[in-house]
Amino acid sequence: SLRKKGYRTAVLTAAQNKIAKAEIGLIGEEYFDA
């Protein structure tokens, strides 16, 4: 909904690199600009 309204979205996480990548994969990289 946010992205359809033109909002930009990003994630800042403290997770380990491999865990962070896997968690983003659960959601979908296409949802984030960074």
PDB file of all heavy atoms in Angstrom:
ATOM      1  N   SER A   1       0.816  -1.207   0.000  1.00  0.00           N
ATOM      2  CA  SER A   1       0.000   0.000   0.000  1.00  0.00           C
ATOM      3  C   SER A   1       0.853   1.262   0.000  1.00  0.00           C
ATOM      4  O   SER A   1       0.591   2.214  -0.745  1.00  0.00           O
ATOM      5  CB  SER A   1      -0.936  -0.007   1.215  1.00  0.00           C
ATOM      6  OG  SER A   1      -1.659   1.197   1.305  1.00  0.00           O
ATOM      7  N   LEU A   2       1.896   1.270   0.843  1.00  0.00           N
ATOM      8  CA  LEU A   2       2.763   2.440   0.940  1.00  0.00           C
ATOM      9  C   LEU A   2       3.469   2.723  -0.388  1.00  0.00           C
ATOM     10  O   LEU A   2       3.543   3.869  -0.833  1.00  0.00           O
ATOM     11  CB  LEU A   2       3.800   2.242   2.045  1.00  0.00           C
ATOM     12  CG  LEU A   2       3.289   2.251   3.484  1.00  0.00           C
ATOM     13  CD1 LEU A   2       4.417   1.911   4.445  1.00  0.00           C
ATOM     14  CD2 LEU A   2       2.685   3.614   3.836  1.00  0.00           C
ATOM     15  N   ARG A   3       3.952   1.682  -1.007  1.00  0.00           N
ATOM     16  CA  ARG A   3       4.696   1.877  -2.249  1.00  0.00           C
ATOM     17  C   ARG A   3       3.776   2.308  -3.393  1.00  0.00           C
ATOM     18  O   ARG A   3       4.173   3.095  -4.251  1.00  0.00           O
ATOM     19  CB  ARG A   3       5.470   0.604  -2.598  1.00  0.00           C
ATOM     20  CG  ARG A   3       6.568   0.332  -1.554  1.00  0.00           C
ATOM     21  CD  ARG A   3       7.445  -0.832  -1.918  1.00  0.00           C
ATOM     22  NE  ARG A   3       8.277  -0.555  -3.085  1.00  0.00           N
ATOM     23  CZ  ARG A   3       9.395   0.141  -3.051  1.00  0.00           C
ATOM     24  NH1 ARG A   3       9.821   0.693  -1.930  1.00  0.00           N
ATOM     25  NH2 ARG A   3      10.096   0.320  -4.155  1.00  0.00           N
ATOM     26  N   LYS A   4       2.558   1.842  -3.381  1.00  0.00           N
ATOM     27  CA  LYS A   4       1.603   2.282  -4.398  1.00  0.00           C
ATOM     28  C   LYS A   4       1.260   3.763  -4.223  1.00  0.00           C
ATOM     29  O   LYS A   4       0.907   4.440  -5.188  1.00  0.00           O
ATOM     30  CB  LYS A   4       0.325   1.445  -4.326  1.00  0.00           C
ATOM     31  CG  LYS A   4       0.489   0.046  -4.902  1.00  0.00           C
ATOM     32  CD  LYS A   4      -0.789  -0.759  -4.806  1.00  0.00           C
ATOM     33  CE  LYS A   4      -0.633  -2.135  -5.432  1.00  0.00           C
ATOM     34  NZ  LYS A   4      -1.867  -2.949  -5.311  1.00  0.00           N
ATOM     35  N   LYS A   5       1.377   4.252  -2.986  1.00  0.00           N
ATOM     36  CA  LYS A   5       1.115   5.664  -2.707  1.00  0.00           C
ATOM     37  C   LYS A   5       2.339   6.540  -2.941  1.00  0.00           C
ATOM     38  O   LYS A   5       2.286   7.752  -2.746  1.00  0.00           O
ATOM     39  CB  LYS A   5       0.642   5.826  -1.269  1.00  0.00           C
ATOM     40  CG  LYS A   5      -0.731   5.212  -1.000  1.00  0.00           C
ATOM     41  CD  LYS A   5      -1.114   5.333   0.471  1.00  0.00           C
ATOM     42  CE  LYS A   5      -2.472   4.699   0.725  1.00  0.00           C
ATOM     43  NZ  LYS A   5      -2.841   4.749   2.168  1.00  0.00           N
ATOM     44  N   GLY A   6       3.454   5.920  -3.323  1.00  0.00           N
ATOM     45  CA  GLY A   6       4.648   6.682  -3.642  1.00  0.00           C
ATOM     46  C   GLY A   6       5.668   6.803  -2.533  1.00  0.00           C
ATOM     47  O   GLY A   6       6.683   7.493  -2.695  1.00  0.00           O
ATOM     48  N   TYR A   7       5.421   6.158  -1.400  1.00  0.00           N
ATOM     49  CA  TYR A   7       6.394   6.188  -0.318  1.00  0.00           C
ATOM     50  C   TYR A   7       7.591   5.303  -0.669  1.00  0.00           C
ATOM     51  O   TYR A   7       7.445   4.258  -1.304  1.00  0.00           O
ATOM     52  CB  TYR A   7       5.776   5.681   0.987  1.00  0.00           C
ATOM     53  CG  TYR A   7       4.818   6.643   1.631  1.00  0.00           C
ATOM     54  CD1 TYR A   7       3.447   6.471   1.494  1.00  0.00           C
ATOM     55  CD2 TYR A   7       5.287   7.725   2.375  1.00  0.00           C
ATOM     56  CE1 TYR A   7       2.554   7.346   2.084  1.00  0.00           C
ATOM     57  CE2 TYR A   7       4.394   8.612   2.970  1.00  0.00           C
ATOM     58  CZ  TYR A   7       3.033   8.425   2.827  1.00  0.00           C
ATOM     59  OH  TYR A   7       2.157   9.294   3.412  1.00  0.00           O
ATOM     60  N   ARG A   8       8.776   5.748  -0.228  1.00  0.00           N
ATOM     61  CA  ARG A   8       9.968   4.938  -0.391  1.00  0.00           C
ATOM     62  C   ARG A   8      10.217   4.193   0.913  1.00  0.00           C
ATOM     63  O   ARG A   8      10.013   4.741   1.990  1.00  0.00           O
ATOM     64  CB  ARG A   8      11.161   5.822  -0.767  1.00  0.00           C
ATOM     65  CG  ARG A   8      10.880   6.672  -2.000  1.00  0.00           C
ATOM     66  CD  ARG A   8      12.087   7.461  -2.436  1.00  0.00           C
ATOM     67  NE  ARG A   8      13.089   6.591  -3.031  1.00  0.00           N
ATOM     68  CZ  ARG A   8      14.290   7.018  -3.426  1.00  0.00           C
ATOM     69  NH1 ARG A   8      14.624   8.285  -3.259  1.00  0.00           N
ATOM     70  NH2 ARG A   8      15.151   6.177  -3.969  1.00  0.00           N
ATOM     71  N   THR A   9      10.640   2.961   0.817  1.00  0.00           N
ATOM     72  CA  THR A   9      10.801   2.135   2.008  1.00  0.00           C
ATOM     73  C   THR A   9      12.196   1.512   2.028  1.00  0.00           C
ATOM     74  O   THR A   9      12.759   1.156   0.991  1.00  0.00           O
ATOM     75  CB  THR A   9       9.748   1.020   2.056  1.00  0.00           C
ATOM     76  OG1 THR A   9       9.769   0.293   0.823  1.00  0.00           O
ATOM     77  CG2 THR A   9       8.363   1.601   2.268  1.00  0.00           C
ATOM     78  N   ALA A  10      12.738   1.390   3.237  1.00  0.00           N
ATOM     79  CA  ALA A  10      14.077   0.825   3.410  1.00  0.00           C
ATOM     80  C   ALA A  10      14.128   0.049   4.714  1.00  0.00           C
ATOM     81  O   ALA A  10      13.269   0.200   5.582  1.00  0.00           O
ATOM     82  CB  ALA A  10      15.127   1.934   3.407  1.00  0.00           C
ATOM     83  N   VAL A  11      15.146  -0.784   4.835  1.00  0.00           N
ATOM     84  CA  VAL A  11      15.350  -1.583   6.043  1.00  0.00           C
ATOM     85  C   VAL A  11      16.731  -1.290   6.602  1.00  0.00           C
ATOM     86  O   VAL A  11      17.722  -1.255   5.863  1.00  0.00           O
ATOM     87  CB  VAL A  11      15.228  -3.096   5.747  1.00  0.00           C
ATOM     88  CG1 VAL A  11      15.738  -3.914   6.926  1.00  0.00           C
ATOM     89  CG2 VAL A  11      13.787  -3.461   5.448  1.00  0.00           C
ATOM     90  N   LEU A  12      16.784  -1.087   7.926  1.00  0.00           N
ATOM     91  CA  LEU A  12      18.050  -1.017   8.647  1.00  0.00           C
ATOM     92  C   LEU A  12      17.989  -2.091   9.724  1.00  0.00           C
ATOM     93  O   LEU A  12      17.174  -2.015  10.638  1.00  0.00           O
ATOM     94  CB  LEU A  12      18.250   0.356   9.280  1.00  0.00           C
ATOM     95  CG  LEU A  12      19.495   0.498  10.171  1.00  0.00           C
ATOM     96  CD1 LEU A  12      20.770   0.310   9.351  1.00  0.00           C
ATOM     97  CD2 LEU A  12      19.516   1.853  10.870  1.00  0.00           C
ATOM     98  N   THR A  13      18.820  -3.109   9.599  1.00  0.00           N
ATOM     99  CA  THR A  13      18.764  -4.240  10.522  1.00  0.00           C
ATOM    100  C   THR A  13      20.127  -4.501  11.140  1.00  0.00           C
ATOM    101  O   THR A  13      21.164  -4.177  10.543  1.00  0.00           O
ATOM    102  CB  THR A  13      18.274  -5.515   9.796  1.00  0.00           C
ATOM    103  OG1 THR A  13      18.296  -6.610  10.707  1.00  0.00           O
ATOM    104  CG2 THR A  13      19.169  -5.852   8.615  1.00  0.00           C
ATOM    105  N   ALA A  14      20.111  -5.094  12.335  1.00  0.00           N
ATOM    106  CA  ALA A  14      21.352  -5.459  13.015  1.00  0.00           C
ATOM    107  C   ALA A  14      21.621  -6.960  12.914  1.00  0.00           C
ATOM    108  O   ALA A  14      22.556  -7.467  13.536  1.00  0.00           O
ATOM    109  CB  ALA A  14      21.286  -5.039  14.480  1.00  0.00           C
ATOM    110  N   ALA A  15      20.804  -7.665  12.147  1.00  0.00           N
ATOM    111  CA  ALA A  15      20.964  -9.116  12.009  1.00  0.00           C
ATOM    112  C   ALA A  15      22.266  -9.461  11.288  1.00  0.00           C
ATOM    113  O   ALA A  15      22.848  -8.622  10.591  1.00  0.00           O
ATOM    114  CB  ALA A  15      19.781  -9.706  11.252  1.00  0.00           C
ATOM    115  N   GLN A  16      22.721 -10.688  11.449  1.00  0.00           N
ATOM    116  CA  GLN A  16      23.857 -11.152  10.681  1.00  0.00           C
ATOM    117  C   GLN A  16      23.520 -11.063   9.193  1.00  0.00           C
ATOM    118  O   GLN A  16      22.368 -11.171   8.794  1.00  0.00           O
ATOM    119  CB  GLN A  16      24.190 -12.601  11.033  1.00  0.00           C
ATOM    120  CG  GLN A  16      24.583 -12.840  12.473  1.00  0.00           C
ATOM    121  CD  GLN A  16      24.807 -14.314  12.736  1.00  0.00           C
ATOM    122  OE1 GLN A  16      25.613 -14.971  12.067  1.00  0.00           O
ATOM    123  NE2 GLN A  16      24.074 -14.865  13.686  1.00  0.00           N
ATOM    124  N   ASN A  17      24.542 -10.900   8.366  1.00  0.00           N
ATOM    125  CA  ASN A  17      24.314 -10.689   6.936  1.00  0.00           C
ATOM    126  C   ASN A  17      23.454 -11.778   6.295  1.00  0.00           C
ATOM    127  O   ASN A  17      22.497 -11.482   5.577  1.00  0.00           O
ATOM    128  CB  ASN A  17      25.659 -10.603   6.202  1.00  0.00           C
ATOM    129  CG  ASN A  17      26.369  -9.285   6.444  1.00  0.00           C
ATOM    130  OD1 ASN A  17      25.740  -8.234   6.534  1.00  0.00           O
ATOM    131  ND2 ASN A  17      27.686  -9.335   6.559  1.00  0.00           N
ATOM    132  N   LYS A  18      23.768 -13.043   6.566  1.00  0.00           N
ATOM    133  CA  LYS A  18      23.019 -14.134   5.942  1.00  0.00           C
ATOM    134  C   LYS A  18      21.583 -14.188   6.444  1.00  0.00           C
ATOM    135  O   LYS A  18      20.658 -14.461   5.675  1.00  0.00           O
ATOM    136  CB  LYS A  18      23.727 -15.473   6.191  1.00  0.00           C
ATOM    137  CG  LYS A  18      25.032 -15.627   5.421  1.00  0.00           C
ATOM    138  CD  LYS A  18      25.635 -17.001   5.656  1.00  0.00           C
ATOM    139  CE  LYS A  18      26.926 -17.172   4.862  1.00  0.00           C
ATOM    140  NZ  LYS A  18      27.532 -18.518   5.092  1.00  0.00           N
ATOM    141  N   ILE A  19      21.397 -13.913   7.735  1.00  0.00           N
ATOM    142  CA  ILE A  19      20.046 -13.904   8.297  1.00  0.00           C
ATOM    143  C   ILE A  19      19.252 -12.731   7.742  1.00  0.00           C
ATOM    144  O   ILE A  19      18.080 -12.865   7.386  1.00  0.00           O
ATOM    145  CB  ILE A  19      20.100 -13.865   9.838  1.00  0.00           C
ATOM    146  CG1 ILE A  19      20.620 -15.203  10.366  1.00  0.00           C
ATOM    147  CG2 ILE A  19      18.724 -13.554  10.423  1.00  0.00           C
ATOM    148  CD1 ILE A  19      20.791 -15.270  11.866  1.00  0.00           C
ATOM    149  N   ALA A  20      19.893 -11.574   7.654  1.00  0.00           N
ATOM    150  CA  ALA A  20      19.222 -10.395   7.103  1.00  0.00           C
ATOM    151  C   ALA A  20      18.756 -10.656   5.670  1.00  0.00           C
ATOM    152  O   ALA A  20      17.618 -10.331   5.307  1.00  0.00           O
ATOM    153  CB  ALA A  20      20.164  -9.194   7.143  1.00  0.00           C
ATOM    154  N   LYS A  21      19.631 -11.239   4.870  1.00  0.00           N
ATOM    155  CA  LYS A  21      19.276 -11.528   3.473  1.00  0.00           C
ATOM    156  C   LYS A  21      18.113 -12.508   3.395  1.00  0.00           C
ATOM    157  O   LYS A  21      17.190 -12.338   2.588  1.00  0.00           O
ATOM    158  CB  LYS A  21      20.493 -12.097   2.742  1.00  0.00           C
ATOM    159  CG  LYS A  21      20.231 -12.363   1.257  1.00  0.00           C
ATOM    160  CD  LYS A  21      21.500 -12.843   0.550  1.00  0.00           C
ATOM    161  CE  LYS A  21      21.240 -13.078  -0.928  1.00  0.00           C
ATOM    162  NZ  LYS A  21      22.476 -13.550  -1.639  1.00  0.00           N
ATOM    163  N   ALA A  22      18.140 -13.532   4.257  1.00  0.00           N
ATOM    164  CA  ALA A  22      17.064 -14.532   4.251  1.00  0.00           C
ATOM    165  C   ALA A  22      15.747 -13.917   4.706  1.00  0.00           C
ATOM    166  O   ALA A  22      14.681 -14.229   4.151  1.00  0.00           O
ATOM    167  CB  ALA A  22      17.448 -15.709   5.148  1.00  0.00           C
ATOM    168  N   GLU A  23      15.786 -13.047   5.714  1.00  0.00           N
ATOM    169  CA  GLU A  23      14.559 -12.414   6.198  1.00  0.00           C
ATOM    170  C   GLU A  23      13.955 -11.488   5.151  1.00  0.00           C
ATOM    171  O   GLU A  23      12.733 -11.455   4.976  1.00  0.00           O
ATOM    172  CB  GLU A  23      14.846 -11.659   7.495  1.00  0.00           C
ATOM    173  CG  GLU A  23      15.111 -12.576   8.674  1.00  0.00           C
ATOM    174  CD  GLU A  23      15.367 -11.842   9.969  1.00  0.00           C
ATOM    175  OE1 GLU A  23      15.700 -10.638   9.927  1.00  0.00           O
ATOM    176  OE2 GLU A  23      15.235 -12.461  11.034  1.00  0.00           O
ATOM    177  N   ILE A  24      14.817 -10.762   4.451  1.00  0.00           N
ATOM    178  CA  ILE A  24      14.313  -9.909   3.373  1.00  0.00           C
ATOM    179  C   ILE A  24      13.692 -10.777   2.280  1.00  0.00           C
ATOM    180  O   ILE A  24      12.674 -10.426   1.680  1.00  0.00           O
ATOM    181  CB  ILE A  24      15.450  -9.043   2.790  1.00  0.00           C
ATOM    182  CG1 ILE A  24      15.909  -8.012   3.830  1.00  0.00           C
ATOM    183  CG2 ILE A  24      14.989  -8.332   1.512  1.00  0.00           C
ATOM    184  CD1 ILE A  24      14.844  -7.043   4.269  1.00  0.00           C
ATOM    185  N   GLY A  25      14.289 -11.937   2.054  1.00  0.00           N
ATOM    186  CA  GLY A  25      13.753 -12.854   1.061  1.00  0.00           C
ATOM    187  C   GLY A  25      12.362 -13.350   1.416  1.00  0.00           C
ATOM    188  O   GLY A  25      11.545 -13.622   0.522  1.00  0.00           O
ATOM    189  N   LEU A  26      12.075 -13.475   2.713  1.00  0.00           N
ATOM    190  CA  LEU A  26      10.744 -13.896   3.143  1.00  0.00           C
ATOM    191  C   LEU A  26       9.685 -12.863   2.776  1.00  0.00           C
ATOM    192  O   LEU A  26       8.525 -13.199   2.536  1.00  0.00           O
ATOM    193  CB  LEU A  26      10.720 -14.117   4.660  1.00  0.00           C
ATOM    194  CG  LEU A  26      11.493 -15.316   5.205  1.00  0.00           C
ATOM    195  CD1 LEU A  26      11.451 -15.313   6.721  1.00  0.00           C
ATOM    196  CD2 LEU A  26      10.923 -16.626   4.664  1.00  0.00           C
ATOM    197  N   ILE A  27      10.103 -11.616   2.740  1.00  0.00           N
ATOM    198  CA  ILE A  27       9.170 -10.518   2.431  1.00  0.00           C
ATOM    199  C   ILE A  27       9.160 -10.227   0.939  1.00  0.00           C
ATOM    200  O   ILE A  27       8.104 -10.137   0.310  1.00  0.00           O
ATOM    201  CB  ILE A  27       9.569  -9.239   3.203  1.00  0.00           C
ATOM    202  CG1 ILE A  27       9.582  -9.509   4.708  1.00  0.00           C
ATOM    203  CG2 ILE A  27       8.613  -8.088   2.874  1.00  0.00           C
ATOM    204  CD1 ILE A  27      10.224  -8.401   5.523  1.00  0.00           C
ATOM    205  N   GLY A  28      10.363 -10.080   0.372  1.00  0.00           N
ATOM    206  CA  GLY A  28      10.493  -9.742  -1.044  1.00  0.00           C
ATOM    207  C   GLY A  28      11.350  -8.505  -1.225  1.00  0.00           C
ATOM    208  O   GLY A  28      11.001  -7.436  -0.709  1.00  0.00           O
ATOM    209  N   GLU A  29      12.464  -8.623  -1.915  1.00  0.00           N
ATOM    210  CA  GLU A  29      13.367  -7.491  -2.113  1.00  0.00           C
ATOM    211  C   GLU A  29      12.693  -6.340  -2.847  1.00  0.00           C
ATOM    212  O   GLU A  29      13.086  -5.182  -2.705  1.00  0.00           O
ATOM    213  CB  GLU A  29      14.613  -7.951  -2.883  1.00  0.00           C
ATOM    214  CG  GLU A  29      15.487  -8.933  -2.130  1.00  0.00           C
ATOM    215  CD  GLU A  29      16.732  -9.318  -2.905  1.00  0.00           C
ATOM    216  OE1 GLU A  29      16.978  -8.691  -3.974  1.00  0.00           O
ATOM    217  OE2 GLU A  29      17.455 -10.226  -2.469  1.00  0.00           O
ATOM    218  N   GLU A  30      11.676  -6.680  -3.632  1.00  0.00           N
ATOM    219  CA  GLU A  30      11.010  -5.653  -4.432  1.00  0.00           C
ATOM    220  C   GLU A  30      10.288  -4.610  -3.592  1.00  0.00           C
ATOM    221  O   GLU A  30       9.901  -3.545  -4.098  1.00  0.00           O
ATOM    222  CB  GLU A  30      10.020  -6.299  -5.408  1.00  0.00           C
ATOM    223  CG  GLU A  30       8.811  -6.980  -4.759  1.00  0.00           C
ATOM    224  CD  GLU A  30       9.055  -8.413  -4.343  1.00  0.00           C
ATOM    225  OE1 GLU A  30      10.236  -8.831  -4.305  1.00  0.00           O
ATOM    226  OE2 GLU A  30       8.068  -9.115  -4.037  1.00  0.00           O
ATOM    227  N   TYR A  31      10.120  -4.880  -2.313  1.00  0.00           N
ATOM    228  CA  TYR A  31       9.423  -3.936  -1.442  1.00  0.00           C
ATOM    229  C   TYR A  31      10.327  -2.827  -0.913  1.00  0.00           C
ATOM    230  O   TYR A  31       9.841  -1.904  -0.266  1.00  0.00           O
ATOM    231  CB  TYR A  31       8.816  -4.676  -0.247  1.00  0.00           C
ATOM    232  CG  TYR A  31       7.585  -5.479  -0.568  1.00  0.00           C
ATOM    233  CD1 TYR A  31       7.631  -6.868  -0.617  1.00  0.00           C
ATOM    234  CD2 TYR A  31       6.365  -4.851  -0.831  1.00  0.00           C
ATOM    235  CE1 TYR A  31       6.496  -7.616  -0.899  1.00  0.00           C
ATOM    236  CE2 TYR A  31       5.230  -5.592  -1.122  1.00  0.00           C
ATOM    237  CZ  TYR A  31       5.298  -6.967  -1.153  1.00  0.00           C
ATOM    238  OH  TYR A  31       4.180  -7.698  -1.435  1.00  0.00           O
ATOM    239  N   PHE A  32      11.639  -2.905  -1.197  1.00  0.00           N
ATOM    240  CA  PHE A  32      12.563  -1.973  -0.555  1.00  0.00           C
ATOM    241  C   PHE A  32      13.472  -1.270  -1.553  1.00  0.00           C
ATOM    242  O   PHE A  32      13.974  -1.864  -2.494  1.00  0.00           O
ATOM    243  CB  PHE A  32      13.415  -2.727   0.473  1.00  0.00           C
ATOM    244  CG  PHE A  32      12.592  -3.482   1.475  1.00  0.00           C
ATOM    245  CD1 PHE A  32      12.495  -4.869   1.408  1.00  0.00           C
ATOM    246  CD2 PHE A  32      11.896  -2.812   2.468  1.00  0.00           C
ATOM    247  CE1 PHE A  32      11.723  -5.575   2.321  1.00  0.00           C
ATOM    248  CE2 PHE A  32      11.117  -3.514   3.379  1.00  0.00           C
ATOM    249  CZ  PHE A  32      11.040  -4.887   3.309  1.00  0.00           C
ATOM    250  N   ASP A  33      13.685   0.014  -1.285  1.00  0.00           N
ATOM    251  CA  ASP A  33      14.615   0.800  -2.090  1.00  0.00           C
ATOM    252  C   ASP A  33      16.050   0.641  -1.592  1.00  0.00           C
ATOM    253  O   ASP A  33      16.996   0.895  -2.337  1.00  0.00           O
ATOM    254  CB  ASP A  33      14.229   2.279  -2.040  1.00  0.00           C
ATOM    255  CG  ASP A  33      12.855   2.536  -2.641  1.00  0.00           C
ATOM    256  OD1 ASP A  33      12.709   2.352  -3.860  1.00  0.00           O
ATOM    257  OD2 ASP A  33      11.929   2.895  -1.897  1.00  0.00           O
ATOM    258  N   ALA A  34      16.196   0.254  -0.337  1.00  0.00           N
ATOM    259  CA  ALA A  34      17.531   0.053   0.236  1.00  0.00           C
ATOM    260  C   ALA A  34      17.433  -0.900   1.415  1.00  0.00           C
ATOM    261  O   ALA A  34      16.439  -0.904   2.136  1.00  0.00           O
ATOM    262  CB  ALA A  34      18.134   1.384   0.681  1.00  0.00           C
TER     263      ALA A  34
END
